[in-house]
Amino acid sequence: MVTLDEMREANGKSFAEKMDQGGITDDELIKLLKSKLNATDTRPFNNKGSIIYAKPLEAHEIQLKAADMCFRLKNQYPAERKHVSFEGGVPIVPLSEEDQIELEAMKEVVKGRLKKSE
């Protein structure tokens, strides 16, 4: 079994570490999300090509996306249920795309170790 630390060692830095080094730190993400929770959008009202009125309105779509991201980062949504079925005594569990990528990466690490040990 390959541990997460062993995978990181084999693959270099984690994505989170790369983001931090690129200036996208947790503090910067918090500032960004907080600003988006209060996002506004100025909509001009025209009359025959002339702007007669412009007022900042709440940008509800942006605010909802920011709130959704906050809830996801805080794990405030219930866990997704996965359907498990059995076929010939072997459990079949559908994997998310992220889980599938992680599984393939683990397979490559194991293959590399097997080749080294031969």
N, C-alpha and C. Protein backbone atom coordinates (compact mmCIF):
# COMPACT_ATOMS: atom_id res chain seq x y z
N MET A 1 0.84 -1.19 0.00
CA MET A 1 0.00 0.00 0.00
C MET A 1 0.88 1.24 0.00
N VAL A 2 0.56 2.18 -0.83
CA VAL A 2 1.32 3.41 -0.95
C VAL A 2 0.64 4.49 -0.12
N THR A 3 1.42 5.17 0.71
CA THR A 3 0.85 6.24 1.53
C THR A 3 0.81 7.54 0.75
N LEU A 4 0.01 8.47 1.22
CA LEU A 4 -0.09 9.78 0.58
C LEU A 4 1.26 10.49 0.61
N ASP A 5 1.99 10.38 1.71
CA ASP A 5 3.31 11.00 1.81
C ASP A 5 4.28 10.42 0.77
N GLU A 6 4.20 9.11 0.55
CA GLU A 6 5.06 8.48 -0.44
C GLU A 6 4.71 8.96 -1.85
N MET A 7 3.42 9.15 -2.11
CA MET A 7 3.01 9.66 -3.41
C MET A 7 3.53 11.07 -3.62
N ARG A 8 3.42 11.91 -2.58
CA ARG A 8 3.92 13.28 -2.69
C ARG A 8 5.41 13.30 -2.95
N GLU A 9 6.11 12.42 -2.24
CA GLU A 9 7.56 12.34 -2.41
C GLU A 9 7.90 11.93 -3.84
N ALA A 10 7.15 10.99 -4.38
CA ALA A 10 7.41 10.51 -5.74
C ALA A 10 7.01 11.55 -6.78
N ASN A 11 5.98 12.32 -6.51
CA ASN A 11 5.45 13.27 -7.50
C ASN A 11 5.86 14.71 -7.23
N GLY A 12 6.68 14.97 -6.25
CA GLY A 12 7.08 16.34 -5.94
C GLY A 12 6.08 17.01 -5.02
N LYS A 13 5.97 18.31 -5.15
CA LYS A 13 5.13 19.10 -4.26
C LYS A 13 3.65 18.87 -4.54
N SER A 14 2.86 19.02 -3.48
CA SER A 14 1.42 18.92 -3.66
C SER A 14 0.90 20.17 -4.35
N PHE A 15 -0.29 20.09 -4.90
CA PHE A 15 -0.89 21.24 -5.58
C PHE A 15 -1.06 22.40 -4.61
N ALA A 16 -1.46 22.10 -3.37
CA ALA A 16 -1.63 23.15 -2.36
C ALA A 16 -0.32 23.87 -2.10
N GLU A 17 0.78 23.13 -2.04
CA GLU A 17 2.10 23.75 -1.83
C GLU A 17 2.47 24.64 -3.01
N LYS A 18 2.16 24.18 -4.21
CA LYS A 18 2.45 24.97 -5.41
C LYS A 18 1.61 26.25 -5.41
N MET A 19 0.36 26.15 -4.98
CA MET A 19 -0.50 27.34 -4.92
C MET A 19 0.07 28.33 -3.91
N ASP A 20 0.47 27.85 -2.74
CA ASP A 20 1.06 28.74 -1.73
C ASP A 20 2.29 29.46 -2.28
N GLN A 21 3.16 28.72 -2.95
CA GLN A 21 4.37 29.32 -3.50
C GLN A 21 4.04 30.33 -4.60
N GLY A 22 2.93 30.14 -5.28
CA GLY A 22 2.51 31.06 -6.32
C GLY A 22 1.74 32.26 -5.78
N GLY A 23 1.62 32.35 -4.45
CA GLY A 23 0.95 33.50 -3.84
C GLY A 23 -0.53 33.30 -3.57
N ILE A 24 -1.03 32.11 -3.88
CA ILE A 24 -2.45 31.83 -3.62
C ILE A 24 -2.53 31.10 -2.27
N THR A 25 -2.36 31.86 -1.21
CA THR A 25 -2.36 31.30 0.14
C THR A 25 -3.77 31.21 0.68
N ASP A 26 -3.93 30.53 1.80
CA ASP A 26 -5.25 30.44 2.44
C ASP A 26 -5.78 31.82 2.77
N ASP A 27 -4.92 32.71 3.28
CA ASP A 27 -5.35 34.06 3.63
C ASP A 27 -5.84 34.83 2.40
N GLU A 28 -5.15 34.67 1.27
CA GLU A 28 -5.57 35.35 0.04
C GLU A 28 -6.91 34.80 -0.45
N LEU A 29 -7.09 33.49 -0.35
CA LEU A 29 -8.37 32.89 -0.77
C LEU A 29 -9.51 33.37 0.12
N ILE A 30 -9.25 33.52 1.41
CA ILE A 30 -10.28 34.01 2.33
C ILE A 30 -10.67 35.44 1.96
N LYS A 31 -9.68 36.29 1.69
CA LYS A 31 -9.97 37.67 1.29
C LYS A 31 -10.82 37.70 0.02
N LEU A 32 -10.44 36.87 -0.94
CA LEU A 32 -11.15 36.83 -2.21
C LEU A 32 -12.60 36.39 -2.00
N LEU A 33 -12.79 35.30 -1.28
CA LEU A 33 -14.15 34.81 -1.03
C LEU A 33 -14.98 35.84 -0.27
N LYS A 34 -14.37 36.46 0.73
CA LYS A 34 -15.10 37.46 1.52
C LYS A 34 -15.56 38.62 0.64
N SER A 35 -14.70 39.07 -0.26
CA SER A 35 -15.08 40.18 -1.14
C SER A 35 -16.20 39.76 -2.09
N LYS A 36 -16.20 38.52 -2.53
CA LYS A 36 -17.23 38.05 -3.46
C LYS A 36 -18.58 37.86 -2.78
N LEU A 37 -18.56 37.65 -1.46
CA LEU A 37 -19.84 37.51 -0.75
C LEU A 37 -20.62 38.82 -0.76
N ASN A 38 -19.93 39.94 -0.98
CA ASN A 38 -20.58 41.26 -1.03
C ASN A 38 -20.50 41.88 -2.42
N ALA A 39 -20.34 41.05 -3.45
CA ALA A 39 -20.14 41.56 -4.81
C ALA A 39 -21.35 42.35 -5.30
N THR A 40 -21.03 43.40 -6.06
CA THR A 40 -22.08 44.21 -6.71
C THR A 40 -21.74 44.34 -8.19
N ASP A 41 -22.74 44.76 -8.94
CA ASP A 41 -22.59 44.95 -10.37
C ASP A 41 -23.36 46.21 -10.73
N THR A 42 -22.68 47.16 -11.36
CA THR A 42 -23.36 48.41 -11.73
C THR A 42 -24.04 48.24 -13.08
N ARG A 43 -25.33 48.51 -13.11
CA ARG A 43 -26.10 48.37 -14.33
C ARG A 43 -26.63 49.74 -14.75
N PRO A 44 -26.19 50.20 -15.90
CA PRO A 44 -26.70 51.49 -16.37
C PRO A 44 -28.08 51.34 -17.02
N PHE A 45 -28.90 52.34 -16.84
CA PHE A 45 -30.20 52.40 -17.49
C PHE A 45 -30.11 53.46 -18.58
N ASN A 46 -30.44 53.09 -19.79
CA ASN A 46 -30.29 53.97 -20.95
C ASN A 46 -31.64 54.49 -21.44
N ASN A 47 -31.58 55.68 -22.01
CA ASN A 47 -32.74 56.24 -22.69
C ASN A 47 -32.22 56.87 -23.98
N LYS A 48 -32.51 56.23 -25.09
CA LYS A 48 -32.09 56.72 -26.41
C LYS A 48 -30.59 56.94 -26.48
N GLY A 49 -29.82 55.97 -25.92
CA GLY A 49 -28.37 56.03 -25.99
C GLY A 49 -27.69 56.82 -24.88
N SER A 50 -28.43 57.51 -24.07
CA SER A 50 -27.85 58.28 -22.97
C SER A 50 -28.09 57.57 -21.65
N ILE A 51 -27.05 57.49 -20.84
CA ILE A 51 -27.22 56.88 -19.53
C ILE A 51 -27.96 57.88 -18.65
N ILE A 52 -29.12 57.44 -18.15
CA ILE A 52 -29.90 58.33 -17.29
C ILE A 52 -29.77 57.96 -15.82
N TYR A 53 -29.26 56.73 -15.57
CA TYR A 53 -29.19 56.30 -14.18
C TYR A 53 -28.29 55.07 -14.12
N ALA A 54 -27.41 54.99 -13.14
CA ALA A 54 -26.55 53.82 -12.92
C ALA A 54 -26.48 53.57 -11.42
N LYS A 55 -26.83 52.37 -11.05
CA LYS A 55 -26.87 52.05 -9.63
C LYS A 55 -26.19 50.69 -9.40
N PRO A 56 -25.33 50.60 -8.38
CA PRO A 56 -24.75 49.28 -8.07
C PRO A 56 -25.82 48.37 -7.47
N LEU A 57 -25.96 47.19 -8.05
CA LEU A 57 -26.92 46.21 -7.56
C LEU A 57 -26.15 44.99 -7.06
N GLU A 58 -26.75 44.25 -6.16
CA GLU A 58 -26.09 43.04 -5.65
C GLU A 58 -25.95 42.03 -6.78
N ALA A 59 -24.78 41.44 -6.89
CA ALA A 59 -24.51 40.41 -7.90
C ALA A 59 -24.81 39.05 -7.27
N HIS A 60 -26.06 38.68 -7.30
CA HIS A 60 -26.51 37.48 -6.59
C HIS A 60 -25.82 36.20 -7.06
N GLU A 61 -25.60 36.06 -8.35
CA GLU A 61 -24.97 34.83 -8.85
C GLU A 61 -23.55 34.68 -8.30
N ILE A 62 -22.80 35.77 -8.30
CA ILE A 62 -21.43 35.74 -7.76
C ILE A 62 -21.47 35.47 -6.26
N GLN A 63 -22.39 36.11 -5.55
CA GLN A 63 -22.51 35.91 -4.10
C GLN A 63 -22.85 34.47 -3.77
N LEU A 64 -23.77 33.88 -4.53
CA LEU A 64 -24.16 32.49 -4.27
C LEU A 64 -23.01 31.52 -4.54
N LYS A 65 -22.26 31.76 -5.61
CA LYS A 65 -21.11 30.89 -5.91
C LYS A 65 -20.06 30.99 -4.80
N ALA A 66 -19.83 32.21 -4.30
CA ALA A 66 -18.85 32.39 -3.21
C ALA A 66 -19.33 31.70 -1.94
N ALA A 67 -20.63 31.85 -1.63
CA ALA A 67 -21.17 31.19 -0.45
C ALA A 67 -21.07 29.67 -0.58
N ASP A 68 -21.38 29.15 -1.77
CA ASP A 68 -21.28 27.71 -2.02
C ASP A 68 -19.85 27.23 -1.78
N MET A 69 -18.87 27.98 -2.29
CA MET A 69 -17.47 27.62 -2.10
C MET A 69 -17.10 27.63 -0.62
N CYS A 70 -17.59 28.63 0.12
CA CYS A 70 -17.31 28.69 1.56
C CYS A 70 -17.87 27.46 2.27
N PHE A 71 -19.11 27.11 1.94
CA PHE A 71 -19.72 25.94 2.57
C PHE A 71 -18.96 24.66 2.22
N ARG A 72 -18.51 24.55 0.98
CA ARG A 72 -17.75 23.36 0.57
C ARG A 72 -16.42 23.29 1.32
N LEU A 73 -15.72 24.42 1.41
CA LEU A 73 -14.43 24.43 2.10
C LEU A 73 -14.57 24.13 3.58
N LYS A 74 -15.72 24.48 4.17
CA LYS A 74 -15.97 24.22 5.59
C LYS A 74 -16.64 22.87 5.81
N ASN A 75 -16.82 22.10 4.74
CA ASN A 75 -17.47 20.78 4.81
C ASN A 75 -18.84 20.85 5.47
N GLN A 76 -19.63 21.82 5.05
CA GLN A 76 -20.95 22.01 5.64
C GLN A 76 -22.06 21.32 4.86
N TYR A 77 -21.72 20.67 3.76
CA TYR A 77 -22.71 19.91 3.01
C TYR A 77 -22.66 18.46 3.47
N PRO A 78 -23.80 17.76 3.45
CA PRO A 78 -23.76 16.35 3.81
C PRO A 78 -22.92 15.57 2.80
N ALA A 79 -22.31 14.50 3.27
CA ALA A 79 -21.48 13.68 2.39
C ALA A 79 -22.33 13.09 1.27
N GLU A 80 -21.72 12.99 0.09
CA GLU A 80 -22.43 12.39 -1.04
C GLU A 80 -22.54 10.89 -0.81
N ARG A 81 -23.69 10.38 -1.13
CA ARG A 81 -23.88 8.92 -1.01
C ARG A 81 -23.42 8.27 -2.29
N LYS A 82 -22.74 7.17 -2.16
CA LYS A 82 -22.27 6.43 -3.31
C LYS A 82 -23.03 5.11 -3.37
N HIS A 83 -23.47 4.79 -4.57
CA HIS A 83 -24.18 3.53 -4.77
C HIS A 83 -23.15 2.41 -4.89
N VAL A 84 -23.34 1.36 -4.11
CA VAL A 84 -22.44 0.21 -4.16
C VAL A 84 -23.26 -1.00 -4.56
N SER A 85 -22.80 -1.70 -5.59
CA SER A 85 -23.47 -2.92 -6.00
C SER A 85 -22.46 -4.05 -6.05
N PHE A 86 -22.94 -5.26 -6.02
CA PHE A 86 -22.06 -6.41 -6.04
C PHE A 86 -22.30 -7.22 -7.30
N GLU A 87 -21.21 -7.58 -7.92
CA GLU A 87 -21.29 -8.37 -9.14
C GLU A 87 -20.28 -9.50 -9.00
N GLY A 88 -20.76 -10.71 -8.83
CA GLY A 88 -19.85 -11.84 -8.67
C GLY A 88 -19.05 -11.78 -7.38
N GLY A 89 -19.61 -11.13 -6.35
CA GLY A 89 -18.95 -11.07 -5.06
C GLY A 89 -17.92 -9.98 -4.94
N VAL A 90 -17.69 -9.20 -5.99
CA VAL A 90 -16.71 -8.12 -5.95
C VAL A 90 -17.47 -6.79 -5.92
N PRO A 91 -17.23 -5.96 -4.88
CA PRO A 91 -17.96 -4.70 -4.83
C PRO A 91 -17.52 -3.75 -5.95
N ILE A 92 -18.50 -3.09 -6.54
CA ILE A 92 -18.24 -2.10 -7.59
C ILE A 92 -18.66 -0.74 -7.04
N VAL A 93 -17.68 0.15 -6.91
CA VAL A 93 -17.95 1.48 -6.38
C VAL A 93 -17.55 2.50 -7.44
N PRO A 94 -18.52 3.28 -7.93
CA PRO A 94 -18.15 4.30 -8.93
C PRO A 94 -17.26 5.37 -8.28
N LEU A 95 -16.18 5.71 -8.98
CA LEU A 95 -15.25 6.70 -8.45
C LEU A 95 -15.48 8.05 -9.12
N SER A 96 -15.24 9.10 -8.35
CA SER A 96 -15.28 10.44 -8.93
C SER A 96 -14.07 10.59 -9.83
N GLU A 97 -14.08 11.60 -10.67
CA GLU A 97 -12.94 11.84 -11.57
C GLU A 97 -11.66 12.06 -10.77
N GLU A 98 -11.78 12.82 -9.67
CA GLU A 98 -10.62 13.09 -8.81
C GLU A 98 -10.08 11.80 -8.19
N ASP A 99 -10.99 10.92 -7.71
CA ASP A 99 -10.58 9.65 -7.13
C ASP A 99 -9.92 8.76 -8.18
N GLN A 100 -10.45 8.79 -9.41
CA GLN A 100 -9.89 7.98 -10.49
C GLN A 100 -8.47 8.43 -10.82
N ILE A 101 -8.25 9.75 -10.85
CA ILE A 101 -6.91 10.29 -11.13
C ILE A 101 -5.94 9.88 -10.02
N GLU A 102 -6.41 9.96 -8.77
CA GLU A 102 -5.55 9.58 -7.64
C GLU A 102 -5.21 8.09 -7.71
N LEU A 103 -6.19 7.26 -8.06
CA LEU A 103 -5.96 5.82 -8.17
C LEU A 103 -4.92 5.53 -9.25
N GLU A 104 -5.05 6.19 -10.42
CA GLU A 104 -4.09 5.98 -11.50
C GLU A 104 -2.68 6.41 -11.08
N ALA A 105 -2.58 7.51 -10.34
CA ALA A 105 -1.28 7.97 -9.87
C ALA A 105 -0.66 6.95 -8.92
N MET A 106 -1.48 6.38 -8.04
CA MET A 106 -0.98 5.36 -7.11
C MET A 106 -0.49 4.14 -7.87
N LYS A 107 -1.23 3.75 -8.91
CA LYS A 107 -0.83 2.60 -9.72
C LYS A 107 0.55 2.83 -10.33
N GLU A 108 0.79 4.04 -10.84
CA GLU A 108 2.08 4.36 -11.46
C GLU A 108 3.21 4.30 -10.44
N VAL A 109 2.96 4.78 -9.22
CA VAL A 109 3.98 4.73 -8.17
C VAL A 109 4.31 3.28 -7.84
N VAL A 110 3.29 2.45 -7.71
CA VAL A 110 3.50 1.03 -7.40
C VAL A 110 4.25 0.34 -8.53
N LYS A 111 3.87 0.63 -9.78
CA LYS A 111 4.58 0.03 -10.94
C LYS A 111 6.05 0.41 -10.90
N GLY A 112 6.34 1.67 -10.59
CA GLY A 112 7.73 2.11 -10.51
C GLY A 112 8.50 1.38 -9.44
N ARG A 113 7.87 1.15 -8.30
CA ARG A 113 8.55 0.41 -7.22
C ARG A 113 8.77 -1.03 -7.58
N LEU A 114 7.80 -1.63 -8.27
CA LEU A 114 7.96 -3.03 -8.68
C LEU A 114 9.13 -3.17 -9.65
N LYS A 115 9.26 -2.21 -10.58
CA LYS A 115 10.36 -2.26 -11.54
C LYS A 115 11.70 -2.11 -10.83
N LYS A 116 11.77 -1.25 -9.79
CA LYS A 116 13.01 -1.03 -9.04
C LYS A 116 13.41 -2.29 -8.27
N SER A 117 12.39 -3.02 -7.77
CA SER A 117 12.69 -4.20 -6.94
C SER A 117 13.04 -5.44 -7.75
N GLU A 118 12.83 -5.38 -9.07
CA GLU A 118 13.13 -6.55 -9.93
C GLU A 118 14.60 -6.72 -10.20
